Amino acid sequence: MTAFNAVRFKVKPGRDQDFLDAHKNIGAEWPGLRHASIIKTGEQRYCIIAEWESTDAIVAARPSMIVTLNSFRDTLEDLGGGLGVTDAVSGPVALTLK
């Protein structure tokens, strides 16, 4: 069953391009990934939305996702509220709308 994950980030001033560049090869590095987009949600704020083959594919890709995160972790600011530098959620599709 198809699954998605979403992760929010806040990028340090002047590091936006470094953050975006770090994601350019994720398709090859994250097995089970069907599609991913990074949206700019505000000043220095981004969210990655990714579609996966299944929830199991997300779980299997977590080590690769952590390697990718570690490659650009220095570009990120703490989100506050005890979240750290990412706010991630994931799960199976509950309802397809279109």
C-alpha atoms as a PDB file:
ATOM      1  CA  MET A   1       0.000   0.000   0.000  1.00  0.00           C
ATOM      2  CA  THR A   2       1.299   3.440  -0.939  1.00  0.00           C
ATOM      3  CA  ALA A   3       2.650   5.568   1.918  1.00  0.00           C
ATOM      4  CA  PHE A   4       3.897   9.132   2.324  1.00  0.00           C
ATOM      5  CA  ASN A   5       6.224  10.972   4.611  1.00  0.00           C
ATOM      6  CA  ALA A   6       6.559  14.678   5.288  1.00  0.00           C
ATOM      7  CA  VAL A   7       9.428  16.442   7.025  1.00  0.00           C
ATOM      8  CA  ARG A   8       9.629  20.112   8.028  1.00  0.00           C
ATOM      9  CA  PHE A   9      12.923  22.002   8.164  1.00  0.00           C
ATOM     10  CA  LYS A  10      14.158  25.494   9.020  1.00  0.00           C
ATOM     11  CA  VAL A  11      17.338  26.414   7.156  1.00  0.00           C
ATOM     12  CA  LYS A  12      20.005  28.739   8.529  1.00  0.00           C
ATOM     13  CA  PRO A  13      20.281  32.149   6.840  1.00  0.00           C
ATOM     14  CA  GLY A  14      22.181  31.947   3.551  1.00  0.00           C
ATOM     15  CA  ARG A  15      22.144  28.118   3.438  1.00  0.00           C
ATOM     16  CA  ASP A  16      19.032  27.528   1.308  1.00  0.00           C
ATOM     17  CA  GLN A  17      20.917  26.384  -1.796  1.00  0.00           C
ATOM     18  CA  ASP A  18      23.140  24.042   0.231  1.00  0.00           C
ATOM     19  CA  PHE A  19      19.998  22.489   1.710  1.00  0.00           C
ATOM     20  CA  LEU A  20      18.371  22.050  -1.703  1.00  0.00           C
ATOM     21  CA  ASP A  21      21.548  20.709  -3.334  1.00  0.00           C
ATOM     22  CA  ALA A  22      21.847  17.996  -0.667  1.00  0.00           C
ATOM     23  CA  HIS A  23      18.596  16.454  -1.938  1.00  0.00           C
ATOM     24  CA  LYS A  24      19.415  16.242  -5.656  1.00  0.00           C
ATOM     25  CA  ASN A  25      20.331  12.520  -5.648  1.00  0.00           C
ATOM     26  CA  ILE A  26      17.803  11.118  -3.217  1.00  0.00           C
ATOM     27  CA  GLY A  27      15.988   9.129  -5.911  1.00  0.00           C
ATOM     28  CA  ALA A  28      19.028   6.933  -6.427  1.00  0.00           C
ATOM     29  CA  GLU A  29      19.859   6.707  -2.727  1.00  0.00           C
ATOM     30  CA  TRP A  30      16.433   6.010  -1.207  1.00  0.00           C
ATOM     31  CA  PRO A  31      15.064   2.613  -2.353  1.00  0.00           C
ATOM     32  CA  GLY A  32      11.279   2.435  -2.681  1.00  0.00           C
ATOM     33  CA  LEU A  33      10.878   6.185  -3.267  1.00  0.00           C
ATOM     34  CA  ARG A  34       8.372   6.940  -6.037  1.00  0.00           C
ATOM     35  CA  HIS A  35       8.321  10.731  -6.003  1.00  0.00           C
ATOM     36  CA  ALA A  36       9.467  13.570  -3.766  1.00  0.00           C
ATOM     37  CA  SER A  37       9.058  17.327  -3.761  1.00  0.00           C
ATOM     38  CA  ILE A  38      10.447  20.055  -1.556  1.00  0.00           C
ATOM     39  CA  ILE A  39       8.097  22.956  -1.001  1.00  0.00           C
ATOM     40  CA  LYS A  40       9.084  26.338   0.374  1.00  0.00           C
ATOM     41  CA  THR A  41       6.637  27.092   3.178  1.00  0.00           C
ATOM     42  CA  GLY A  42       8.090  30.407   4.337  1.00  0.00           C
ATOM     43  CA  GLU A  43      11.305  32.336   4.835  1.00  0.00           C
ATOM     44  CA  GLN A  44      14.044  29.718   5.382  1.00  0.00           C
ATOM     45  CA  ARG A  45      11.326  27.061   5.861  1.00  0.00           C
ATOM     46  CA  TYR A  46      10.809  23.953   3.758  1.00  0.00           C
ATOM     47  CA  CYS A  47       8.868  20.707   3.781  1.00  0.00           C
ATOM     48  CA  ILE A  48       9.706  17.566   1.837  1.00  0.00           C
ATOM     49  CA  ILE A  49       6.746  15.419   0.804  1.00  0.00           C
ATOM     50  CA  ALA A  50       7.611  11.936  -0.487  1.00  0.00           C
ATOM     51  CA  GLU A  51       5.562   9.101  -1.943  1.00  0.00           C
ATOM     52  CA  TRP A  52       6.752   5.560  -1.273  1.00  0.00           C
ATOM     53  CA  GLU A  53       5.860   2.072  -2.456  1.00  0.00           C
ATOM     54  CA  SER A  54       4.819   1.141   1.086  1.00  0.00           C
ATOM     55  CA  THR A  55       5.329   1.882   4.757  1.00  0.00           C
ATOM     56  CA  ASP A  56       7.886  -0.935   4.759  1.00  0.00           C
ATOM     57  CA  ALA A  57       9.816   0.946   2.050  1.00  0.00           C
ATOM     58  CA  ILE A  58       9.971   4.031   4.279  1.00  0.00           C
ATOM     59  CA  VAL A  59      11.252   1.942   7.170  1.00  0.00           C
ATOM     60  CA  ALA A  60      13.858   0.259   4.936  1.00  0.00           C
ATOM     61  CA  ALA A  61      15.029   3.628   3.595  1.00  0.00           C
ATOM     62  CA  ARG A  62      15.463   5.286   7.003  1.00  0.00           C
ATOM     63  CA  PRO A  63      19.201   4.536   7.189  1.00  0.00           C
ATOM     64  CA  SER A  64      19.659   6.202   3.771  1.00  0.00           C
ATOM     65  CA  MET A  65      17.503   9.136   4.855  1.00  0.00           C
ATOM     66  CA  ILE A  66      19.646   9.584   7.977  1.00  0.00           C
ATOM     67  CA  VAL A  67      22.825   9.563   5.862  1.00  0.00           C
ATOM     68  CA  THR A  68      21.281  12.265   3.662  1.00  0.00           C
ATOM     69  CA  LEU A  69      20.189  14.284   6.715  1.00  0.00           C
ATOM     70  CA  ASN A  70      23.671  14.078   8.182  1.00  0.00           C
ATOM     71  CA  SER A  71      25.098  15.485   4.929  1.00  0.00           C
ATOM     72  CA  PHE A  72      23.218  18.778   5.410  1.00  0.00           C
ATOM     73  CA  ARG A  73      22.444  18.823   9.144  1.00  0.00           C
ATOM     74  CA  ASP A  74      24.782  21.815   9.559  1.00  0.00           C
ATOM     75  CA  THR A  75      22.458  23.891   7.328  1.00  0.00           C
ATOM     76  CA  LEU A  76      19.500  23.485   9.692  1.00  0.00           C
ATOM     77  CA  GLU A  77      18.229  25.430  12.672  1.00  0.00           C
ATOM     78  CA  ASP A  78      16.448  23.845  15.633  1.00  0.00           C
ATOM     79  CA  LEU A  79      12.670  23.994  15.167  1.00  0.00           C
ATOM     80  CA  GLY A  80      12.110  24.496  18.891  1.00  0.00           C
ATOM     81  CA  GLY A  81       9.602  22.808  21.135  1.00  0.00           C
ATOM     82  CA  GLY A  82      11.889  19.813  21.606  1.00  0.00           C
ATOM     83  CA  LEU A  83      11.690  18.797  17.932  1.00  0.00           C
ATOM     84  CA  GLY A  84      15.334  19.258  17.021  1.00  0.00           C
ATOM     85  CA  VAL A  85      16.147  20.039  13.383  1.00  0.00           C
ATOM     86  CA  THR A  86      13.336  17.988  11.767  1.00  0.00           C
ATOM     87  CA  ASP A  87       9.641  17.388  12.269  1.00  0.00           C
ATOM     88  CA  ALA A  88       8.809  14.132  10.476  1.00  0.00           C
ATOM     89  CA  VAL A  89       5.586  12.159  10.068  1.00  0.00           C
ATOM     90  CA  SER A  90       4.712   9.190   7.849  1.00  0.00           C
ATOM     91  CA  GLY A  91       2.017   6.655   7.196  1.00  0.00           C
ATOM     92  CA  PRO A  92      -0.062   4.740   4.685  1.00  0.00           C
ATOM     93  CA  VAL A  93      -2.558   6.456   2.415  1.00  0.00           C
ATOM     94  CA  ALA A  94      -5.946   6.600   4.129  1.00  0.00           C
ATOM     95  CA  LEU A  95      -7.894   8.159   1.229  1.00  0.00           C
ATOM     96  CA  THR A  96      -6.869   9.018  -2.320  1.00  0.00           C
ATOM     97  CA  LEU A  97      -8.629  12.171  -3.499  1.00  0.00           C
ATOM     98  CA  LYS A  98      -7.343  12.548  -7.060  1.00  0.00           C
END
